[in-house]
Amino acid sequence: MRDLDETDLRIIELLAADARRPYSDIGDEVGLSGPAVSDRVTRLEDSGVLKRFTVDVDRSQLRAGVPVFVRLAVDSGMDALRERVAAASAVEHLFVTAEEELLFYGRAQADGVRDWLAELIGDADVAEREISVVDDVAWTPALGGVEFALTCAECGNTVDSEGETERLGDDVYHFCCPSCRSRFVERYERMEAGAE
């Protein structure tokens, strides 16, 4: 497994800014040919670093409603609540904090914010809730200040150039060493055999 480098990071930054940008244009920016950029993008996808290309939709152009930012402090039922909120078509961004808070941005009908929120919360035990009407939104995902460091799926250590990669089912896993890969694969195969 080859280390991710500054060129990979720059390619990801350029794709994050415009996922439809031609590989030849990206190549001009990073000093590679279009096919070389394509090869790197394919490798980034195969390794699981790039999961998908998306469209950034300005929902304000498509749907009326009041833009709201919601903070919920959750005592219990976080998993089901998170699934409901993530599936809600009016929700654009969702965050879960280590303090068991769920934060999200979305658009609600002007005369139905409380009902909409009550439906989303369902039976989750929410200790606190805070709703703010949003005046302006800017979403600028950036990779500045980060370094690529794949994490071992077995022990959590950083995976370097000595690491190994294994595709199991539809997922790609990274390992810091052969023994971590071996333990993980054995456990995975036991679980697969037990599920049959």
C-alpha atoms as a PDB file:
ATOM      1  CA  MET A   1       0.000   0.000   0.000  1.00  0.00           C
ATOM      2  CA  ARG A   2       1.435   3.347  -1.070  1.00  0.00           C
ATOM      3  CA  ASP A   3       1.300   6.343   1.264  1.00  0.00           C
ATOM      4  CA  LEU A   4      -1.110   9.114   0.411  1.00  0.00           C
ATOM      5  CA  ASP A   5       0.795  12.243  -0.515  1.00  0.00           C
ATOM      6  CA  GLU A   6       0.321  15.983  -1.019  1.00  0.00           C
ATOM      7  CA  THR A   7      -0.774  15.406  -4.614  1.00  0.00           C
ATOM      8  CA  ASP A   8      -3.575  13.116  -3.409  1.00  0.00           C
ATOM      9  CA  LEU A   9      -4.649  15.767  -0.901  1.00  0.00           C
ATOM     10  CA  ARG A  10      -4.686  18.469  -3.589  1.00  0.00           C
ATOM     11  CA  ILE A  11      -6.702  16.235  -5.947  1.00  0.00           C
ATOM     12  CA  ILE A  12      -9.279  15.697  -3.199  1.00  0.00           C
ATOM     13  CA  GLU A  13      -9.414  19.447  -2.488  1.00  0.00           C
ATOM     14  CA  LEU A  14     -10.038  20.165  -6.172  1.00  0.00           C
ATOM     15  CA  LEU A  15     -12.727  17.479  -6.390  1.00  0.00           C
ATOM     16  CA  ALA A  16     -14.370  18.813  -3.215  1.00  0.00           C
ATOM     17  CA  ALA A  17     -14.584  22.253  -4.829  1.00  0.00           C
ATOM     18  CA  ASP A  18     -15.970  20.848  -8.109  1.00  0.00           C
ATOM     19  CA  ALA A  19     -16.522  17.102  -8.454  1.00  0.00           C
ATOM     20  CA  ARG A  20     -17.254  17.550 -12.176  1.00  0.00           C
ATOM     21  CA  ARG A  21     -13.917  19.193 -12.918  1.00  0.00           C
ATOM     22  CA  PRO A  22     -12.166  17.322 -15.762  1.00  0.00           C
ATOM     23  CA  TYR A  23      -9.184  15.209 -14.754  1.00  0.00           C
ATOM     24  CA  SER A  24      -7.081  17.032 -17.366  1.00  0.00           C
ATOM     25  CA  ASP A  25      -7.755  20.353 -15.569  1.00  0.00           C
ATOM     26  CA  ILE A  26      -6.877  18.769 -12.226  1.00  0.00           C
ATOM     27  CA  GLY A  27      -3.736  17.359 -13.834  1.00  0.00           C
ATOM     28  CA  ASP A  28      -2.698  20.859 -14.918  1.00  0.00           C
ATOM     29  CA  GLU A  29      -3.036  22.009 -11.280  1.00  0.00           C
ATOM     30  CA  VAL A  30      -1.029  19.128  -9.792  1.00  0.00           C
ATOM     31  CA  GLY A  31       1.493  18.484 -12.556  1.00  0.00           C
ATOM     32  CA  LEU A  32       0.096  15.154 -13.766  1.00  0.00           C
ATOM     33  CA  SER A  33      -1.624  13.938 -16.915  1.00  0.00           C
ATOM     34  CA  GLY A  34      -5.393  13.397 -16.956  1.00  0.00           C
ATOM     35  CA  PRO A  35      -4.997   9.582 -16.996  1.00  0.00           C
ATOM     36  CA  ALA A  36      -2.572   9.768 -14.030  1.00  0.00           C
ATOM     37  CA  VAL A  37      -5.168  11.782 -12.077  1.00  0.00           C
ATOM     38  CA  SER A  38      -7.823   9.212 -13.033  1.00  0.00           C
ATOM     39  CA  ASP A  39      -5.576   6.420 -11.718  1.00  0.00           C
ATOM     40  CA  ARG A  40      -5.086   8.257  -8.421  1.00  0.00           C
ATOM     41  CA  VAL A  41      -8.826   8.896  -8.038  1.00  0.00           C
ATOM     42  CA  THR A  42      -9.525   5.218  -8.698  1.00  0.00           C
ATOM     43  CA  ARG A  43      -6.928   4.256  -6.058  1.00  0.00           C
ATOM     44  CA  LEU A  44      -8.475   6.704  -3.572  1.00  0.00           C
ATOM     45  CA  GLU A  45     -11.900   5.153  -4.238  1.00  0.00           C
ATOM     46  CA  ASP A  46     -10.580   1.592  -3.946  1.00  0.00           C
ATOM     47  CA  SER A  47      -8.877   2.393  -0.650  1.00  0.00           C
ATOM     48  CA  GLY A  48     -12.087   3.889   0.755  1.00  0.00           C
ATOM     49  CA  VAL A  49     -10.700   7.431   1.125  1.00  0.00           C
ATOM     50  CA  LEU A  50     -13.148   8.706  -1.515  1.00  0.00           C
ATOM     51  CA  LYS A  51     -16.564   7.174  -0.979  1.00  0.00           C
ATOM     52  CA  ARG A  52     -18.730   8.997  -3.495  1.00  0.00           C
ATOM     53  CA  PHE A  53     -19.123  12.104  -5.583  1.00  0.00           C
ATOM     54  CA  THR A  54     -22.079  14.254  -4.622  1.00  0.00           C
ATOM     55  CA  VAL A  55     -24.073  17.233  -5.744  1.00  0.00           C
ATOM     56  CA  ASP A  56     -24.283  20.319  -3.533  1.00  0.00           C
ATOM     57  CA  VAL A  57     -27.897  21.420  -3.914  1.00  0.00           C
ATOM     58  CA  ASP A  58     -29.002  24.886  -2.825  1.00  0.00           C
ATOM     59  CA  ARG A  59     -32.324  23.762  -1.409  1.00  0.00           C
ATOM     60  CA  SER A  60     -33.430  27.362  -0.921  1.00  0.00           C
ATOM     61  CA  GLN A  61     -33.801  27.490  -4.701  1.00  0.00           C
ATOM     62  CA  LEU A  62     -36.021  24.416  -4.721  1.00  0.00           C
ATOM     63  CA  ARG A  63     -38.114  24.512  -1.588  1.00  0.00           C
ATOM     64  CA  ALA A  64     -39.739  27.106   0.583  1.00  0.00           C
ATOM     65  CA  GLY A  65     -39.504  26.860   4.322  1.00  0.00           C
ATOM     66  CA  VAL A  66     -37.818  28.331   7.318  1.00  0.00           C
ATOM     67  CA  PRO A  67     -34.114  27.460   7.647  1.00  0.00           C
ATOM     68  CA  VAL A  68     -33.523  26.191  11.184  1.00  0.00           C
ATOM     69  CA  PHE A  69     -30.601  24.894  13.199  1.00  0.00           C
ATOM     70  CA  VAL A  70     -31.604  22.406  15.893  1.00  0.00           C
ATOM     71  CA  ARG A  71     -29.645  21.172  18.919  1.00  0.00           C
ATOM     72  CA  LEU A  72     -30.977  18.186  20.836  1.00  0.00           C
ATOM     73  CA  ALA A  73     -29.359  16.819  24.014  1.00  0.00           C
ATOM     74  CA  VAL A  74     -30.318  13.143  23.956  1.00  0.00           C
ATOM     75  CA  ASP A  75     -30.532  10.943  27.060  1.00  0.00           C
ATOM     76  CA  SER A  76     -31.542   7.770  25.215  1.00  0.00           C
ATOM     77  CA  GLY A  77     -32.650   6.659  21.764  1.00  0.00           C
ATOM     78  CA  MET A  78     -29.814   8.372  19.871  1.00  0.00           C
ATOM     79  CA  ASP A  79     -29.430   5.686  17.181  1.00  0.00           C
ATOM     80  CA  ALA A  80     -33.090   5.666  16.137  1.00  0.00           C
ATOM     81  CA  LEU A  81     -33.272   9.468  16.348  1.00  0.00           C
ATOM     82  CA  ARG A  82     -30.178   9.857  14.216  1.00  0.00           C
ATOM     83  CA  GLU A  83     -31.641   7.545  11.573  1.00  0.00           C
ATOM     84  CA  ARG A  84     -34.950   9.434  11.489  1.00  0.00           C
ATOM     85  CA  VAL A  85     -33.260  12.830  11.223  1.00  0.00           C
ATOM     86  CA  ALA A  86     -30.802  11.621   8.562  1.00  0.00           C
ATOM     87  CA  ALA A  87     -33.692  10.218   6.493  1.00  0.00           C
ATOM     88  CA  ALA A  88     -35.761  13.414   6.718  1.00  0.00           C
ATOM     89  CA  SER A  89     -35.780  15.090   3.312  1.00  0.00           C
ATOM     90  CA  ALA A  90     -35.805  18.565   4.884  1.00  0.00           C
ATOM     91  CA  VAL A  91     -32.518  17.951   6.746  1.00  0.00           C
ATOM     92  CA  GLU A  92     -29.317  18.935   4.941  1.00  0.00           C
ATOM     93  CA  HIS A  93     -26.549  18.547   7.541  1.00  0.00           C
ATOM     94  CA  LEU A  94     -26.396  16.318  10.602  1.00  0.00           C
ATOM     95  CA  PHE A  95     -23.790  16.135  13.371  1.00  0.00           C
ATOM     96  CA  VAL A  96     -23.528  13.969  16.493  1.00  0.00           C
ATOM     97  CA  THR A  97     -21.246  15.104  19.301  1.00  0.00           C
ATOM     98  CA  ALA A  98     -19.401  13.041  21.891  1.00  0.00           C
ATOM     99  CA  GLU A  99     -21.677  14.622  24.504  1.00  0.00           C
ATOM    100  CA  GLU A 100     -24.709  12.823  22.994  1.00  0.00           C
ATOM    101  CA  GLU A 101     -25.986  15.928  21.267  1.00  0.00           C
ATOM    102  CA  LEU A 102     -27.533  15.811  17.838  1.00  0.00           C
ATOM    103  CA  LEU A 103     -27.216  18.979  15.748  1.00  0.00           C
ATOM    104  CA  PHE A 104     -28.811  19.482  12.379  1.00  0.00           C
ATOM    105  CA  TYR A 105     -29.716  22.086   9.795  1.00  0.00           C
ATOM    106  CA  GLY A 106     -32.846  21.874   7.703  1.00  0.00           C
ATOM    107  CA  ARG A 107     -35.915  23.658   6.383  1.00  0.00           C
ATOM    108  CA  ALA A 108     -39.286  23.424   8.085  1.00  0.00           C
ATOM    109  CA  GLN A 109     -42.701  24.803   7.212  1.00  0.00           C
ATOM    110  CA  ALA A 110     -43.117  28.228   8.813  1.00  0.00           C
ATOM    111  CA  ASP A 111     -46.278  27.257  10.643  1.00  0.00           C
ATOM    112  CA  GLY A 112     -45.246  23.729  11.601  1.00  0.00           C
ATOM    113  CA  VAL A 113     -41.765  23.773  13.119  1.00  0.00           C
ATOM    114  CA  ARG A 114     -42.866  22.326  16.491  1.00  0.00           C
ATOM    115  CA  ASP A 115     -44.925  19.546  14.882  1.00  0.00           C
ATOM    116  CA  TRP A 116     -42.112  18.711  12.449  1.00  0.00           C
ATOM    117  CA  LEU A 117     -39.597  18.514  15.283  1.00  0.00           C
ATOM    118  CA  ALA A 118     -41.922  16.436  17.486  1.00  0.00           C
ATOM    119  CA  GLU A 119     -42.352  13.943  14.642  1.00  0.00           C
ATOM    120  CA  LEU A 120     -38.588  13.722  14.130  1.00  0.00           C
ATOM    121  CA  ILE A 121     -37.902  13.244  17.856  1.00  0.00           C
ATOM    122  CA  GLY A 122     -40.486  10.473  18.170  1.00  0.00           C
ATOM    123  CA  ASP A 123     -39.874   8.399  21.291  1.00  0.00           C
ATOM    124  CA  ALA A 124     -36.266   9.513  21.866  1.00  0.00           C
ATOM    125  CA  ASP A 125     -35.577  10.816  25.364  1.00  0.00           C
ATOM    126  CA  VAL A 126     -34.503  14.401  24.670  1.00  0.00           C
ATOM    127  CA  ALA A 127     -33.374  16.346  27.740  1.00  0.00           C
ATOM    128  CA  GLU A 128     -32.887  19.691  25.988  1.00  0.00           C
ATOM    129  CA  ARG A 129     -33.816  21.197  22.659  1.00  0.00           C
ATOM    130  CA  GLU A 130     -32.836  24.452  21.055  1.00  0.00           C
ATOM    131  CA  ILE A 131     -34.132  25.747  17.729  1.00  0.00           C
ATOM    132  CA  SER A 132     -32.629  28.758  15.972  1.00  0.00           C
ATOM    133  CA  VAL A 133     -33.848  30.405  12.801  1.00  0.00           C
ATOM    134  CA  VAL A 134     -30.881  30.689  10.445  1.00  0.00           C
ATOM    135  CA  ASP A 135     -30.178  33.951   8.652  1.00  0.00           C
ATOM    136  CA  ASP A 136     -27.376  32.798   6.323  1.00  0.00           C
ATOM    137  CA  VAL A 137     -25.574  29.542   5.507  1.00  0.00           C
ATOM    138  CA  ALA A 138     -22.190  28.821   3.963  1.00  0.00           C
ATOM    139  CA  TRP A 139     -20.960  25.260   3.646  1.00  0.00           C
ATOM    140  CA  THR A 140     -17.316  25.115   2.641  1.00  0.00           C
ATOM    141  CA  PRO A 141     -15.838  21.685   3.215  1.00  0.00           C
ATOM    142  CA  ALA A 142     -12.072  21.955   3.250  1.00  0.00           C
ATOM    143  CA  LEU A 143      -9.125  19.718   3.886  1.00  0.00           C
ATOM    144  CA  GLY A 144      -6.750  22.405   5.115  1.00  0.00           C
ATOM    145  CA  GLY A 145      -4.807  21.520   8.238  1.00  0.00           C
ATOM    146  CA  VAL A 146      -5.372  17.784   7.923  1.00  0.00           C
ATOM    147  CA  GLU A 147      -3.054  14.972   7.102  1.00  0.00           C
ATOM    148  CA  PHE A 148      -4.075  11.696   5.637  1.00  0.00           C
ATOM    149  CA  ALA A 149      -3.733   8.937   8.153  1.00  0.00           C
ATOM    150  CA  LEU A 150      -5.585   5.733   7.503  1.00  0.00           C
ATOM    151  CA  THR A 151      -6.524   3.931  10.701  1.00  0.00           C
ATOM    152  CA  CYS A 152      -6.042   0.223  11.289  1.00  0.00           C
ATOM    153  CA  ALA A 153      -9.459  -1.468  11.381  1.00  0.00           C
ATOM    154  CA  GLU A 154      -8.176  -3.884  14.046  1.00  0.00           C
ATOM    155  CA  CYS A 155      -6.158  -1.875  16.567  1.00  0.00           C
ATOM    156  CA  GLY A 156      -6.733   1.780  15.629  1.00  0.00           C
ATOM    157  CA  ASN A 157      -3.053   2.568  14.976  1.00  0.00           C
ATOM    158  CA  THR A 158      -2.008   4.672  11.992  1.00  0.00           C
ATOM    159  CA  VAL A 159      -1.471   2.728   8.777  1.00  0.00           C
ATOM    160  CA  ASP A 160       1.773   3.618   7.008  1.00  0.00           C
ATOM    161  CA  SER A 161       3.436   2.354   3.830  1.00  0.00           C
ATOM    162  CA  GLU A 162       4.044  -1.030   5.501  1.00  0.00           C
ATOM    163  CA  GLY A 163       0.293  -1.483   5.971  1.00  0.00           C
ATOM    164  CA  GLU A 164      -2.027  -3.861   4.195  1.00  0.00           C
ATOM    165  CA  THR A 165      -5.458  -3.564   2.625  1.00  0.00           C
ATOM    166  CA  GLU A 166      -8.186  -6.193   2.434  1.00  0.00           C
ATOM    167  CA  ARG A 167     -11.551  -6.095   0.645  1.00  0.00           C
ATOM    168  CA  LEU A 168     -14.211  -8.011   2.559  1.00  0.00           C
ATOM    169  CA  GLY A 169     -17.637  -7.981   1.000  1.00  0.00           C
ATOM    170  CA  ASP A 170     -18.261  -4.486  -0.352  1.00  0.00           C
ATOM    171  CA  ASP A 171     -15.942  -2.745   2.119  1.00  0.00           C
ATOM    172  CA  VAL A 172     -12.216  -2.002   2.092  1.00  0.00           C
ATOM    173  CA  TYR A 173     -10.297  -2.282   5.380  1.00  0.00           C
ATOM    174  CA  HIS A 174      -6.800  -1.020   6.161  1.00  0.00           C
ATOM    175  CA  PHE A 175      -4.360  -2.614   8.618  1.00  0.00           C
ATOM    176  CA  CYS A 176      -1.079  -1.490  10.136  1.00  0.00           C
ATOM    177  CA  CYS A 177       0.489  -4.957  10.014  1.00  0.00           C
ATOM    178  CA  PRO A 178      -0.111  -8.525   8.792  1.00  0.00           C
ATOM    179  CA  SER A 179      -1.085  -9.800  12.269  1.00  0.00           C
ATOM    180  CA  CYS A 180      -3.860  -7.178  12.609  1.00  0.00           C
ATOM    181  CA  ARG A 181      -5.108  -8.077   9.132  1.00  0.00           C
ATOM    182  CA  SER A 182      -5.052 -11.774   9.972  1.00  0.00           C
ATOM    183  CA  ARG A 183      -6.971 -11.340  13.276  1.00  0.00           C
ATOM    184  CA  PHE A 184      -9.578  -9.115  11.651  1.00  0.00           C
ATOM    185  CA  VAL A 185     -10.093 -11.417   8.646  1.00  0.00           C
ATOM    186  CA  GLU A 186     -10.399 -14.486  10.890  1.00  0.00           C
ATOM    187  CA  ARG A 187     -13.022 -12.782  13.065  1.00  0.00           C
ATOM    188  CA  TYR A 188     -14.870 -11.497   9.990  1.00  0.00           C
ATOM    189  CA  GLU A 189     -14.954 -14.986   8.430  1.00  0.00           C
ATOM    190  CA  ARG A 190     -16.175 -16.547  11.710  1.00  0.00           C
ATOM    191  CA  MET A 191     -18.957 -13.990  11.905  1.00  0.00           C
ATOM    192  CA  GLU A 192     -19.883 -14.567   8.255  1.00  0.00           C
ATOM    193  CA  ALA A 193     -19.959 -18.343   8.811  1.00  0.00           C
ATOM    194  CA  GLY A 194     -22.115 -17.901  11.916  1.00  0.00           C
ATOM    195  CA  ALA A 195     -24.597 -15.737  10.026  1.00  0.00           C
ATOM    196  CA  GLU A 196     -25.268 -18.419   7.426  1.00  0.00           C
END
